[in-house]
Amino acid sequence: MSTHTFRDLETAAYCPRKLYYRRRDGAGEIPDEIEAVRRLATEYERLLTDDAALLAAPVEVGPDEYRDRLRSLRDSLADWDALVAPAALDVYLEGKDARGIAHKLVAGADGTVPSLAFAGRPPENGVWEPQTVRLVAAAKALAWEREREVSHAYAEYPAYGVVRRIDVNARRAGVYRRAVRTADSIDGPPGRVRNDAKCAPCEFRENCGVRTRSLRSMLR
């Protein structure tokens, strides 16, 4: 059986029906605005000192707050130096179950680990579960290639000046394996969902056939 892409596994964890449509219709190009946000993950040191660059950057918080967040990371994150000067950028990894791009390889104190940059908003704590699947997929692919354990990965939300370390523990590995099983099993459209907030931003919503109801109808 062929390996799945990191993105496919993330999508399987988010909405299996979305994965079905993405496979059927083909994945679209990554929008320029997402690429612009991801590039910020390579410019933290510059954004700390260059006022013009920060004012022009697609950040989602005020300049002072953004710099405060970066300074806090610089002071508290053990692998800060390795994160801002990664061993490699945009590295293709292929493991037993998954393949895809690690935006950075970070050669930190505990060995080389992957880091992925996400364009959206971070949760209050940790990372969103579908993103957890993508991070674990990258860590396991790197471990497969290097033939050694990869114990953690980094999630970067560069538009918000947030970086989170996640450990590849048993619970997260279980969520990842569930996403792999879901992706393996899709050979037709999975069951429809109802009243799911995930549908609103989905590019396949108009053709998906998902049944939705208004708030007024749900209160009747």
N, C-alpha and C. Protein backbone atom coordinates (compact mmCIF):
# COMPACT_ATOMS: atom_id res chain seq x y z
N MET A 1 0.85 -1.19 0.00
CA MET A 1 0.00 0.00 0.00
C MET A 1 0.89 1.24 0.00
N SER A 2 0.56 2.23 -0.82
CA SER A 2 1.37 3.43 -0.92
C SER A 2 1.22 4.28 0.33
N THR A 3 2.22 5.10 0.59
CA THR A 3 2.16 5.97 1.75
C THR A 3 1.20 7.14 1.48
N HIS A 4 0.72 7.72 2.54
CA HIS A 4 -0.14 8.90 2.47
C HIS A 4 0.70 10.16 2.65
N THR A 5 0.23 11.26 2.11
CA THR A 5 0.93 12.53 2.37
C THR A 5 0.59 13.01 3.77
N PHE A 6 1.48 13.83 4.32
CA PHE A 6 1.19 14.43 5.62
C PHE A 6 -0.13 15.19 5.57
N ARG A 7 -0.34 15.89 4.48
CA ARG A 7 -1.56 16.69 4.35
C ARG A 7 -2.81 15.81 4.32
N ASP A 8 -2.72 14.67 3.63
CA ASP A 8 -3.86 13.76 3.58
C ASP A 8 -4.21 13.24 4.97
N LEU A 9 -3.21 12.92 5.75
CA LEU A 9 -3.48 12.40 7.09
C LEU A 9 -4.06 13.50 7.98
N GLU A 10 -3.57 14.71 7.85
CA GLU A 10 -4.15 15.83 8.58
C GLU A 10 -5.62 16.01 8.20
N THR A 11 -5.91 15.89 6.90
CA THR A 11 -7.29 16.03 6.43
C THR A 11 -8.16 14.89 6.90
N ALA A 12 -7.62 13.68 6.92
CA ALA A 12 -8.39 12.53 7.41
C ALA A 12 -8.81 12.73 8.85
N ALA A 13 -7.93 13.34 9.65
CA ALA A 13 -8.27 13.61 11.05
C ALA A 13 -9.27 14.74 11.17
N TYR A 14 -9.25 15.65 10.22
CA TYR A 14 -10.17 16.80 10.25
C TYR A 14 -11.55 16.43 9.74
N CYS A 15 -11.60 15.81 8.54
CA CYS A 15 -12.87 15.41 7.96
C CYS A 15 -12.61 14.39 6.85
N PRO A 16 -12.94 13.12 7.08
CA PRO A 16 -12.70 12.11 6.04
C PRO A 16 -13.38 12.43 4.72
N ARG A 17 -14.55 13.04 4.78
CA ARG A 17 -15.26 13.36 3.54
C ARG A 17 -14.48 14.40 2.72
N LYS A 18 -13.87 15.35 3.42
CA LYS A 18 -13.03 16.33 2.73
C LYS A 18 -11.85 15.65 2.03
N LEU A 19 -11.27 14.65 2.69
CA LEU A 19 -10.17 13.93 2.06
C LEU A 19 -10.65 13.21 0.80
N TYR A 20 -11.83 12.63 0.86
CA TYR A 20 -12.37 11.97 -0.33
C TYR A 20 -12.46 12.95 -1.49
N TYR A 21 -13.02 14.13 -1.27
CA TYR A 21 -13.17 15.11 -2.35
C TYR A 21 -11.82 15.65 -2.82
N ARG A 22 -10.91 15.81 -1.89
CA ARG A 22 -9.59 16.31 -2.29
C ARG A 22 -8.89 15.29 -3.18
N ARG A 23 -9.01 14.00 -2.84
CA ARG A 23 -8.40 12.98 -3.70
C ARG A 23 -9.11 12.91 -5.05
N ARG A 24 -10.41 13.04 -5.04
CA ARG A 24 -11.17 12.94 -6.29
C ARG A 24 -10.89 14.11 -7.22
N ASP A 25 -10.83 15.31 -6.66
CA ASP A 25 -10.72 16.51 -7.47
C ASP A 25 -9.30 17.02 -7.60
N GLY A 26 -8.40 16.48 -6.78
CA GLY A 26 -7.02 16.95 -6.81
C GLY A 26 -6.82 18.12 -5.86
N ALA A 27 -5.67 18.13 -5.22
CA ALA A 27 -5.36 19.22 -4.28
C ALA A 27 -5.00 20.47 -5.05
N GLY A 28 -5.51 21.60 -4.59
CA GLY A 28 -5.20 22.86 -5.23
C GLY A 28 -3.82 23.38 -4.83
N GLU A 29 -3.40 24.43 -5.50
CA GLU A 29 -2.14 25.07 -5.17
C GLU A 29 -2.25 25.74 -3.79
N ILE A 30 -1.13 25.80 -3.10
CA ILE A 30 -1.11 26.50 -1.82
C ILE A 30 -1.20 28.00 -2.09
N PRO A 31 -2.18 28.68 -1.52
CA PRO A 31 -2.34 30.12 -1.78
C PRO A 31 -1.09 30.91 -1.39
N ASP A 32 -0.85 32.00 -2.12
CA ASP A 32 0.33 32.83 -1.85
C ASP A 32 0.32 33.37 -0.43
N GLU A 33 -0.88 33.69 0.10
CA GLU A 33 -0.92 34.28 1.44
C GLU A 33 -0.48 33.28 2.50
N ILE A 34 -0.74 31.99 2.26
CA ILE A 34 -0.27 30.97 3.21
C ILE A 34 1.24 30.84 3.13
N GLU A 35 1.77 30.84 1.93
CA GLU A 35 3.22 30.78 1.77
C GLU A 35 3.89 31.98 2.42
N ALA A 36 3.26 33.15 2.31
CA ALA A 36 3.85 34.35 2.91
C ALA A 36 3.91 34.23 4.43
N VAL A 37 2.88 33.65 5.03
CA VAL A 37 2.90 33.45 6.48
C VAL A 37 3.96 32.42 6.86
N ARG A 38 4.03 31.34 6.13
CA ARG A 38 5.04 30.32 6.45
C ARG A 38 6.46 30.88 6.37
N ARG A 39 6.69 31.80 5.44
CA ARG A 39 8.03 32.38 5.31
C ARG A 39 8.44 33.15 6.56
N LEU A 40 7.46 33.65 7.31
CA LEU A 40 7.78 34.38 8.53
C LEU A 40 8.56 33.50 9.51
N ALA A 41 8.36 32.20 9.43
CA ALA A 41 9.03 31.29 10.34
C ALA A 41 10.54 31.27 10.13
N THR A 42 11.00 31.83 9.02
CA THR A 42 12.45 31.91 8.75
C THR A 42 12.98 33.31 9.02
N GLU A 43 12.15 34.21 9.55
CA GLU A 43 12.53 35.62 9.68
C GLU A 43 12.40 36.16 11.09
N TYR A 44 12.31 35.28 12.09
CA TYR A 44 12.07 35.76 13.45
C TYR A 44 13.12 36.77 13.91
N GLU A 45 14.39 36.46 13.71
CA GLU A 45 15.45 37.37 14.17
C GLU A 45 15.35 38.73 13.48
N ARG A 46 15.05 38.72 12.21
CA ARG A 46 14.89 39.99 11.49
C ARG A 46 13.69 40.77 12.01
N LEU A 47 12.59 40.05 12.28
CA LEU A 47 11.38 40.73 12.75
C LEU A 47 11.56 41.30 14.15
N LEU A 48 12.51 40.80 14.89
CA LEU A 48 12.80 41.35 16.22
C LEU A 48 13.48 42.71 16.16
N THR A 49 14.12 43.01 15.04
CA THR A 49 14.94 44.22 14.98
C THR A 49 14.56 45.18 13.86
N ASP A 50 13.92 44.68 12.81
CA ASP A 50 13.64 45.50 11.63
C ASP A 50 12.19 45.98 11.69
N ASP A 51 12.00 47.24 12.03
CA ASP A 51 10.65 47.78 12.18
C ASP A 51 9.87 47.73 10.88
N ALA A 52 10.51 48.11 9.78
CA ALA A 52 9.81 48.14 8.49
C ALA A 52 9.37 46.74 8.09
N ALA A 53 10.24 45.76 8.30
CA ALA A 53 9.90 44.39 7.94
C ALA A 53 8.72 43.90 8.77
N LEU A 54 8.71 44.22 10.05
CA LEU A 54 7.61 43.78 10.91
C LEU A 54 6.30 44.45 10.51
N LEU A 55 6.35 45.72 10.22
CA LEU A 55 5.12 46.43 9.84
C LEU A 55 4.55 45.91 8.52
N ALA A 56 5.41 45.41 7.65
CA ALA A 56 4.96 44.89 6.35
C ALA A 56 4.59 43.41 6.41
N ALA A 57 4.90 42.75 7.51
CA ALA A 57 4.70 41.30 7.61
C ALA A 57 3.23 40.98 7.87
N PRO A 58 2.77 39.83 7.38
CA PRO A 58 1.37 39.42 7.60
C PRO A 58 1.16 38.80 8.98
N VAL A 59 1.39 39.59 10.04
CA VAL A 59 1.20 39.11 11.39
C VAL A 59 -0.20 39.47 11.86
N GLU A 60 -0.70 38.72 12.83
CA GLU A 60 -2.08 38.86 13.27
C GLU A 60 -2.20 39.50 14.65
N VAL A 61 -1.10 39.94 15.22
CA VAL A 61 -1.13 40.66 16.50
C VAL A 61 -0.32 41.93 16.32
N GLY A 62 -0.45 42.86 17.27
CA GLY A 62 0.27 44.11 17.17
C GLY A 62 1.78 43.93 17.22
N PRO A 63 2.54 44.87 16.65
CA PRO A 63 4.00 44.73 16.60
C PRO A 63 4.65 44.53 17.96
N ASP A 64 4.21 45.30 18.96
CA ASP A 64 4.83 45.17 20.29
C ASP A 64 4.54 43.79 20.89
N GLU A 65 3.30 43.35 20.77
CA GLU A 65 2.96 42.03 21.30
C GLU A 65 3.71 40.94 20.55
N TYR A 66 3.83 41.09 19.24
CA TYR A 66 4.54 40.08 18.45
C TYR A 66 5.99 39.97 18.93
N ARG A 67 6.65 41.10 19.11
CA ARG A 67 8.03 41.05 19.56
C ARG A 67 8.15 40.52 20.98
N ASP A 68 7.18 40.85 21.83
CA ASP A 68 7.20 40.30 23.19
C ASP A 68 7.12 38.78 23.14
N ARG A 69 6.29 38.25 22.26
CA ARG A 69 6.15 36.80 22.14
C ARG A 69 7.45 36.18 21.65
N LEU A 70 8.09 36.79 20.66
CA LEU A 70 9.35 36.24 20.16
C LEU A 70 10.44 36.31 21.22
N ARG A 71 10.50 37.41 21.96
CA ARG A 71 11.51 37.52 23.03
C ARG A 71 11.28 36.46 24.10
N SER A 72 10.02 36.22 24.42
CA SER A 72 9.71 35.18 25.40
C SER A 72 10.16 33.81 24.91
N LEU A 73 9.94 33.54 23.63
CA LEU A 73 10.40 32.27 23.06
C LEU A 73 11.92 32.18 23.10
N ARG A 74 12.57 33.28 22.74
CA ARG A 74 14.03 33.29 22.73
C ARG A 74 14.60 33.00 24.11
N ASP A 75 13.92 33.49 25.13
CA ASP A 75 14.40 33.30 26.51
C ASP A 75 14.04 31.93 27.09
N SER A 76 12.95 31.34 26.60
CA SER A 76 12.44 30.13 27.25
C SER A 76 12.64 28.85 26.45
N LEU A 77 12.78 28.96 25.15
CA LEU A 77 12.84 27.77 24.31
C LEU A 77 14.29 27.30 24.18
N ALA A 78 14.55 26.10 24.65
CA ALA A 78 15.93 25.59 24.65
C ALA A 78 16.51 25.52 23.25
N ASP A 79 15.67 25.22 22.27
CA ASP A 79 16.15 25.04 20.89
C ASP A 79 15.96 26.30 20.04
N TRP A 80 15.84 27.46 20.66
CA TRP A 80 15.59 28.68 19.90
C TRP A 80 16.64 28.88 18.80
N ASP A 81 17.91 28.80 19.15
CA ASP A 81 18.97 29.05 18.16
C ASP A 81 18.87 28.08 17.00
N ALA A 82 18.56 26.82 17.29
CA ALA A 82 18.43 25.82 16.23
C ALA A 82 17.17 26.07 15.41
N LEU A 83 16.14 26.60 16.04
CA LEU A 83 14.89 26.86 15.33
C LEU A 83 15.04 28.01 14.34
N VAL A 84 15.76 29.06 14.73
CA VAL A 84 15.90 30.23 13.85
C VAL A 84 17.02 30.02 12.83
N ALA A 85 17.87 29.04 13.06
CA ALA A 85 18.92 28.70 12.08
C ALA A 85 18.84 27.19 11.84
N PRO A 86 17.79 26.74 11.16
CA PRO A 86 17.55 25.30 11.03
C PRO A 86 18.62 24.60 10.20
N ALA A 87 18.75 23.30 10.44
CA ALA A 87 19.71 22.51 9.69
C ALA A 87 19.33 22.42 8.22
N ALA A 88 18.03 22.46 7.92
CA ALA A 88 17.57 22.39 6.53
C ALA A 88 16.15 22.95 6.47
N LEU A 89 15.77 23.41 5.28
CA LEU A 89 14.43 23.95 5.04
C LEU A 89 13.73 23.12 3.97
N ASP A 90 12.42 22.96 4.13
CA ASP A 90 11.56 22.32 3.13
C ASP A 90 12.15 20.98 2.67
N VAL A 91 12.27 20.09 3.63
CA VAL A 91 12.90 18.79 3.38
C VAL A 91 11.81 17.73 3.15
N TYR A 92 11.95 17.00 2.06
CA TYR A 92 11.02 15.90 1.77
C TYR A 92 11.40 14.69 2.60
N LEU A 93 10.42 14.15 3.31
CA LEU A 93 10.62 12.97 4.14
C LEU A 93 9.67 11.88 3.69
N GLU A 94 10.11 10.65 3.73
CA GLU A 94 9.23 9.53 3.41
C GLU A 94 9.43 8.42 4.42
N GLY A 95 8.35 8.10 5.12
CA GLY A 95 8.39 7.05 6.11
C GLY A 95 7.62 5.83 5.69
N LYS A 96 7.31 4.97 6.65
CA LYS A 96 6.60 3.72 6.35
C LYS A 96 5.16 4.00 5.94
N ASP A 97 4.52 4.97 6.58
CA ASP A 97 3.10 5.24 6.34
C ASP A 97 2.84 6.59 5.68
N ALA A 98 3.80 7.51 5.75
CA ALA A 98 3.51 8.88 5.33
C ALA A 98 4.73 9.55 4.70
N ARG A 99 4.43 10.51 3.85
CA ARG A 99 5.48 11.27 3.17
C ARG A 99 5.04 12.72 3.07
N GLY A 100 6.02 13.61 3.02
CA GLY A 100 5.67 15.02 2.87
C GLY A 100 6.85 15.91 3.19
N ILE A 101 6.55 17.20 3.35
CA ILE A 101 7.57 18.22 3.54
C ILE A 101 7.62 18.64 5.01
N ALA A 102 8.80 18.60 5.59
CA ALA A 102 9.05 19.26 6.87
C ALA A 102 9.58 20.65 6.55
N HIS A 103 8.93 21.68 7.06
CA HIS A 103 9.35 23.04 6.73
C HIS A 103 10.74 23.35 7.29
N LYS A 104 11.07 22.74 8.42
CA LYS A 104 12.41 22.87 8.99
C LYS A 104 12.84 21.54 9.58
N LEU A 105 14.14 21.30 9.58
CA LEU A 105 14.75 20.29 10.43
C LEU A 105 15.57 21.04 11.47
N VAL A 106 15.22 20.83 12.71
CA VAL A 106 15.81 21.57 13.82
C VAL A 106 16.79 20.67 14.56
N ALA A 107 18.06 21.01 14.50
CA ALA A 107 19.10 20.21 15.15
C ALA A 107 19.28 20.71 16.58
N GLY A 108 18.40 20.25 17.46
CA GLY A 108 18.39 20.74 18.83
C GLY A 108 19.19 19.87 19.78
N ALA A 109 18.98 20.15 21.06
CA ALA A 109 19.75 19.45 22.10
C ALA A 109 19.45 17.96 22.14
N ASP A 110 18.23 17.58 21.73
CA ASP A 110 17.83 16.17 21.77
C ASP A 110 17.84 15.51 20.40
N GLY A 111 18.63 16.06 19.49
CA GLY A 111 18.70 15.50 18.15
C GLY A 111 17.88 16.31 17.17
N THR A 112 17.91 15.90 15.93
CA THR A 112 17.21 16.61 14.87
C THR A 112 15.74 16.22 14.85
N VAL A 113 14.88 17.24 14.84
CA VAL A 113 13.42 17.02 14.85
C VAL A 113 12.79 17.91 13.79
N PRO A 114 11.58 17.56 13.34
CA PRO A 114 10.91 18.39 12.33
C PRO A 114 10.14 19.53 12.97
N SER A 115 9.98 20.58 12.19
CA SER A 115 9.12 21.69 12.57
C SER A 115 8.24 22.02 11.38
N LEU A 116 6.95 22.23 11.65
CA LEU A 116 5.99 22.59 10.62
C LEU A 116 5.39 23.95 10.95
N ALA A 117 5.25 24.79 9.94
CA ALA A 117 4.67 26.12 10.11
C ALA A 117 3.22 26.11 9.62
N PHE A 118 2.32 26.58 10.47
CA PHE A 118 0.90 26.61 10.16
C PHE A 118 0.45 28.06 10.03
N ALA A 119 -0.36 28.32 9.01
CA ALA A 119 -0.75 29.70 8.72
C ALA A 119 -1.85 30.21 9.62
N GLY A 120 -2.60 29.31 10.26
CA GLY A 120 -3.75 29.73 11.03
C GLY A 120 -3.46 30.11 12.46
N ARG A 121 -4.54 30.29 13.21
CA ARG A 121 -4.48 30.68 14.61
C ARG A 121 -4.20 29.47 15.48
N PRO A 122 -3.34 29.60 16.49
CA PRO A 122 -3.12 28.48 17.41
C PRO A 122 -4.25 28.37 18.42
N PRO A 123 -4.47 27.19 18.97
CA PRO A 123 -5.40 27.07 20.09
C PRO A 123 -4.80 27.71 21.34
N GLU A 124 -5.59 27.78 22.39
CA GLU A 124 -5.09 28.37 23.64
C GLU A 124 -3.90 27.59 24.17
N ASN A 125 -3.95 26.28 24.03
CA ASN A 125 -2.85 25.42 24.49
C ASN A 125 -2.63 24.32 23.46
N GLY A 126 -1.40 23.85 23.37
CA GLY A 126 -1.11 22.74 22.48
C GLY A 126 -1.33 23.09 21.02
N VAL A 127 -1.74 22.10 20.25
CA VAL A 127 -2.01 22.29 18.82
C VAL A 127 -3.34 21.62 18.49
N TRP A 128 -3.92 22.02 17.37
CA TRP A 128 -5.16 21.40 16.92
C TRP A 128 -4.89 19.93 16.58
N GLU A 129 -5.88 19.06 16.84
CA GLU A 129 -5.65 17.63 16.67
C GLU A 129 -5.23 17.25 15.24
N PRO A 130 -5.88 17.77 14.18
CA PRO A 130 -5.41 17.41 12.84
C PRO A 130 -3.95 17.82 12.60
N GLN A 131 -3.54 18.95 13.18
CA GLN A 131 -2.14 19.36 13.03
C GLN A 131 -1.23 18.44 13.82
N THR A 132 -1.71 17.94 14.95
CA THR A 132 -0.95 16.95 15.70
C THR A 132 -0.63 15.74 14.83
N VAL A 133 -1.64 15.30 14.06
CA VAL A 133 -1.43 14.15 13.16
C VAL A 133 -0.33 14.47 12.15
N ARG A 134 -0.36 15.66 11.60
CA ARG A 134 0.65 16.03 10.60
C ARG A 134 2.04 16.08 11.23
N LEU A 135 2.13 16.59 12.44
CA LEU A 135 3.42 16.67 13.13
C LEU A 135 3.96 15.28 13.46
N VAL A 136 3.09 14.40 13.96
CA VAL A 136 3.52 13.04 14.26
C VAL A 136 3.94 12.33 12.98
N ALA A 137 3.22 12.56 11.89
CA ALA A 137 3.60 11.95 10.61
C ALA A 137 5.00 12.38 10.20
N ALA A 138 5.31 13.66 10.37
CA ALA A 138 6.65 14.15 10.02
C ALA A 138 7.71 13.55 10.94
N ALA A 139 7.40 13.48 12.23
CA ALA A 139 8.37 12.91 13.17
C ALA A 139 8.63 11.43 12.87
N LYS A 140 7.58 10.70 12.57
CA LYS A 140 7.74 9.26 12.29
C LYS A 140 8.46 9.04 10.95
N ALA A 141 8.19 9.89 9.98
CA ALA A 141 8.90 9.76 8.71
C ALA A 141 10.38 10.04 8.88
N LEU A 142 10.70 11.07 9.67
CA LEU A 142 12.11 11.37 9.94
C LEU A 142 12.76 10.22 10.70
N ALA A 143 12.05 9.67 11.67
CA ALA A 143 12.58 8.54 12.43
C ALA A 143 12.84 7.33 11.53
N TRP A 144 11.93 7.09 10.59
CA TRP A 144 12.08 5.97 9.65
C TRP A 144 13.32 6.16 8.78
N GLU A 145 13.52 7.39 8.29
CA GLU A 145 14.67 7.66 7.43
C GLU A 145 15.99 7.58 8.20
N ARG A 146 16.00 8.13 9.41
CA ARG A 146 17.24 8.21 10.18
C ARG A 146 17.49 6.96 11.03
N GLU A 147 16.47 6.08 11.09
CA GLU A 147 16.56 4.86 11.89
C GLU A 147 16.89 5.15 13.35
N ARG A 148 16.15 6.10 13.89
CA ARG A 148 16.28 6.45 15.30
C ARG A 148 14.99 7.08 15.77
N GLU A 149 14.81 7.09 17.06
CA GLU A 149 13.60 7.68 17.62
C GLU A 149 13.62 9.20 17.48
N VAL A 150 12.46 9.76 17.14
CA VAL A 150 12.27 11.21 17.14
C VAL A 150 11.18 11.48 18.17
N SER A 151 11.56 12.10 19.26
CA SER A 151 10.68 12.15 20.44
C SER A 151 9.70 13.32 20.42
N HIS A 152 9.95 14.33 19.58
CA HIS A 152 9.07 15.49 19.59
C HIS A 152 9.17 16.22 18.25
N ALA A 153 8.32 17.23 18.11
CA ALA A 153 8.32 18.07 16.91
C ALA A 153 7.87 19.46 17.35
N TYR A 154 8.07 20.43 16.46
CA TYR A 154 7.64 21.79 16.75
C TYR A 154 6.53 22.21 15.79
N ALA A 155 5.54 22.89 16.37
CA ALA A 155 4.49 23.53 15.58
C ALA A 155 4.69 25.03 15.69
N GLU A 156 4.83 25.69 14.55
CA GLU A 156 5.02 27.14 14.53
C GLU A 156 3.78 27.80 13.94
N TYR A 157 3.34 28.85 14.61
CA TYR A 157 2.25 29.70 14.12
C TYR A 157 2.84 31.08 13.92
N PRO A 158 3.57 31.28 12.82
CA PRO A 158 4.41 32.47 12.68
C PRO A 158 3.63 33.78 12.58
N ALA A 159 2.39 33.74 12.16
CA ALA A 159 1.61 34.98 12.12
C ALA A 159 1.27 35.47 13.52
N TYR A 160 1.39 34.59 14.51
CA TYR A 160 1.05 34.93 15.88
C TYR A 160 2.26 34.95 16.82
N GLY A 161 3.44 34.62 16.30
CA GLY A 161 4.61 34.57 17.15
C GLY A 161 4.54 33.48 18.20
N VAL A 162 3.95 32.34 17.83
CA VAL A 162 3.76 31.23 18.76
C VAL A 162 4.48 30.00 18.23
N VAL A 163 5.20 29.32 19.10
CA VAL A 163 5.85 28.05 18.78
C VAL A 163 5.52 27.08 19.90
N ARG A 164 5.06 25.90 19.55
CA ARG A 164 4.72 24.88 20.53
C ARG A 164 5.51 23.60 20.25
N ARG A 165 6.07 23.04 21.29
CA ARG A 165 6.72 21.73 21.20
C ARG A 165 5.69 20.67 21.56
N ILE A 166 5.59 19.62 20.75
CA ILE A 166 4.72 18.50 21.11
C ILE A 166 5.56 17.22 21.19
N ASP A 167 5.33 16.47 22.24
CA ASP A 167 5.99 15.18 22.40
C ASP A 167 5.23 14.12 21.60
N VAL A 168 5.95 13.23 20.97
CA VAL A 168 5.32 12.12 20.23
C VAL A 168 5.08 11.01 21.25
N ASN A 169 3.99 11.16 22.00
CA ASN A 169 3.66 10.21 23.06
C ASN A 169 2.66 9.18 22.55
N ALA A 170 2.26 8.27 23.44
CA ALA A 170 1.38 7.17 23.04
C ALA A 170 0.02 7.68 22.57
N ARG A 171 -0.52 8.71 23.25
CA ARG A 171 -1.84 9.22 22.86
C ARG A 171 -1.80 9.82 21.47
N ARG A 172 -0.79 10.64 21.20
CA ARG A 172 -0.70 11.28 19.88
C ARG A 172 -0.40 10.25 18.80
N ALA A 173 0.41 9.25 19.13
CA ALA A 173 0.67 8.19 18.16
C ALA A 173 -0.61 7.43 17.84
N GLY A 174 -1.47 7.27 18.84
CA GLY A 174 -2.75 6.60 18.59
C GLY A 174 -3.65 7.41 17.68
N VAL A 175 -3.69 8.72 17.85
CA VAL A 175 -4.48 9.59 16.97
C VAL A 175 -3.94 9.51 15.54
N TYR A 176 -2.62 9.48 15.42
CA TYR A 176 -1.98 9.34 14.10
C TYR A 176 -2.36 8.02 13.45
N ARG A 177 -2.29 6.92 14.20
CA ARG A 177 -2.61 5.62 13.61
C ARG A 177 -4.08 5.56 13.18
N ARG A 178 -4.94 6.22 13.94
CA ARG A 178 -6.35 6.26 13.56
C ARG A 178 -6.53 7.01 12.24
N ALA A 179 -5.79 8.09 12.06
CA ALA A 179 -5.87 8.84 10.81
C ALA A 179 -5.35 8.01 9.64
N VAL A 180 -4.29 7.22 9.87
CA VAL A 180 -3.77 6.34 8.82
C VAL A 180 -4.83 5.31 8.43
N ARG A 181 -5.50 4.71 9.42
CA ARG A 181 -6.54 3.73 9.12
C ARG A 181 -7.69 4.38 8.36
N THR A 182 -8.04 5.60 8.74
CA THR A 182 -9.11 6.31 8.03
C THR A 182 -8.72 6.55 6.58
N ALA A 183 -7.51 7.04 6.36
CA ALA A 183 -7.06 7.30 4.99
C ALA A 183 -6.97 6.01 4.18
N ASP A 184 -6.56 4.92 4.81
CA ASP A 184 -6.50 3.63 4.13
C ASP A 184 -7.87 3.17 3.67
N SER A 185 -8.89 3.48 4.45
CA SER A 185 -10.21 2.90 4.24
C SER A 185 -11.07 3.65 3.23
N ILE A 186 -10.68 4.84 2.83
CA ILE A 186 -11.54 5.65 1.98
C ILE A 186 -11.46 5.19 0.53
N ASP A 187 -12.55 4.61 0.04
CA ASP A 187 -12.65 4.27 -1.38
C ASP A 187 -13.96 4.78 -1.97
N GLY A 188 -14.69 5.52 -1.20
CA GLY A 188 -15.92 6.17 -1.62
C GLY A 188 -16.21 7.28 -0.64
N PRO A 189 -17.24 8.09 -0.89
CA PRO A 189 -17.50 9.21 0.02
C PRO A 189 -17.94 8.73 1.39
N PRO A 190 -17.23 9.13 2.46
CA PRO A 190 -17.68 8.76 3.80
C PRO A 190 -19.03 9.41 4.12
N GLY A 191 -19.62 9.00 5.23
CA GLY A 191 -20.93 9.52 5.61
C GLY A 191 -20.93 11.02 5.79
N ARG A 192 -22.08 11.62 5.51
CA ARG A 192 -22.23 13.07 5.65
C ARG A 192 -22.24 13.45 7.13
N VAL A 193 -21.87 14.68 7.36
CA VAL A 193 -21.93 15.23 8.72
C VAL A 193 -23.01 16.30 8.75
N ARG A 194 -23.47 16.62 9.94
CA ARG A 194 -24.52 17.63 10.10
C ARG A 194 -24.05 18.70 11.08
N ASN A 195 -24.35 19.93 10.74
CA ASN A 195 -24.16 21.05 11.67
C ASN A 195 -22.73 21.14 12.20
N ASP A 196 -21.79 20.92 11.35
CA ASP A 196 -20.40 20.91 11.79
C ASP A 196 -19.73 22.21 11.37
N ALA A 197 -19.13 22.91 12.33
CA ALA A 197 -18.47 24.18 12.03
C ALA A 197 -17.30 24.00 11.07
N LYS A 198 -16.79 22.77 10.94
CA LYS A 198 -15.70 22.54 10.01
C LYS A 198 -16.11 22.80 8.57
N CYS A 199 -17.40 22.74 8.28
CA CYS A 199 -17.86 22.86 6.91
C CYS A 199 -17.70 24.28 6.36
N ALA A 200 -17.82 25.28 7.24
CA ALA A 200 -17.86 26.67 6.78
C ALA A 200 -16.64 27.05 5.93
N PRO A 201 -15.40 26.72 6.35
CA PRO A 201 -14.25 27.14 5.55
C PRO A 201 -13.86 26.15 4.45
N CYS A 202 -14.58 25.04 4.31
CA CYS A 202 -14.15 23.98 3.41
C CYS A 202 -14.39 24.36 1.96
N GLU A 203 -13.38 24.16 1.12
CA GLU A 203 -13.50 24.52 -0.29
C GLU A 203 -14.43 23.60 -1.06
N PHE A 204 -14.80 22.46 -0.46
CA PHE A 204 -15.69 21.51 -1.14
C PHE A 204 -17.13 21.60 -0.65
N ARG A 205 -17.43 22.58 0.16
CA ARG A 205 -18.74 22.63 0.79
C ARG A 205 -19.88 22.66 -0.23
N GLU A 206 -19.73 23.42 -1.30
CA GLU A 206 -20.83 23.59 -2.26
C GLU A 206 -21.16 22.28 -2.97
N ASN A 207 -20.18 21.41 -3.13
CA ASN A 207 -20.40 20.16 -3.86
C ASN A 207 -20.48 18.93 -2.96
N CYS A 208 -20.32 19.14 -1.66
CA CYS A 208 -20.17 18.01 -0.75
C CYS A 208 -21.50 17.33 -0.45
N GLY A 209 -22.56 18.09 -0.40
CA GLY A 209 -23.83 17.51 -0.03
C GLY A 209 -24.03 17.40 1.46
N VAL A 210 -23.19 18.11 2.23
CA VAL A 210 -23.37 18.11 3.67
C VAL A 210 -24.64 18.85 4.02
N ARG A 211 -25.43 18.25 4.89
CA ARG A 211 -26.68 18.86 5.30
C ARG A 211 -26.42 19.79 6.47
N THR A 212 -26.85 21.03 6.34
CA THR A 212 -26.67 21.99 7.42
C THR A 212 -28.01 22.60 7.77
N ARG A 213 -28.11 23.09 8.98
CA ARG A 213 -29.33 23.74 9.43
C ARG A 213 -28.97 25.05 10.07
N SER A 214 -29.85 26.02 9.95
CA SER A 214 -29.61 27.31 10.57
C SER A 214 -29.81 27.20 12.07
N LEU A 215 -29.25 28.17 12.79
CA LEU A 215 -29.44 28.19 14.23
C LEU A 215 -30.91 28.30 14.57
N ARG A 216 -31.67 29.11 13.81
CA ARG A 216 -33.10 29.26 14.10
C ARG A 216 -33.82 27.94 13.99
N SER A 217 -33.49 27.14 12.94
CA SER A 217 -34.19 25.87 12.78
C SER A 217 -33.83 24.89 13.89
N MET A 218 -32.61 24.98 14.42
CA MET A 218 -32.22 24.07 15.50
C MET A 218 -32.90 24.42 16.82
N LEU A 219 -33.34 25.67 16.96
CA LEU A 219 -33.99 26.09 18.18
C LEU A 219 -35.49 25.85 18.18
N ARG A 220 -36.03 25.41 17.05
CA ARG A 220 -37.48 25.18 16.96
C ARG A 220 -37.86 23.91 17.70
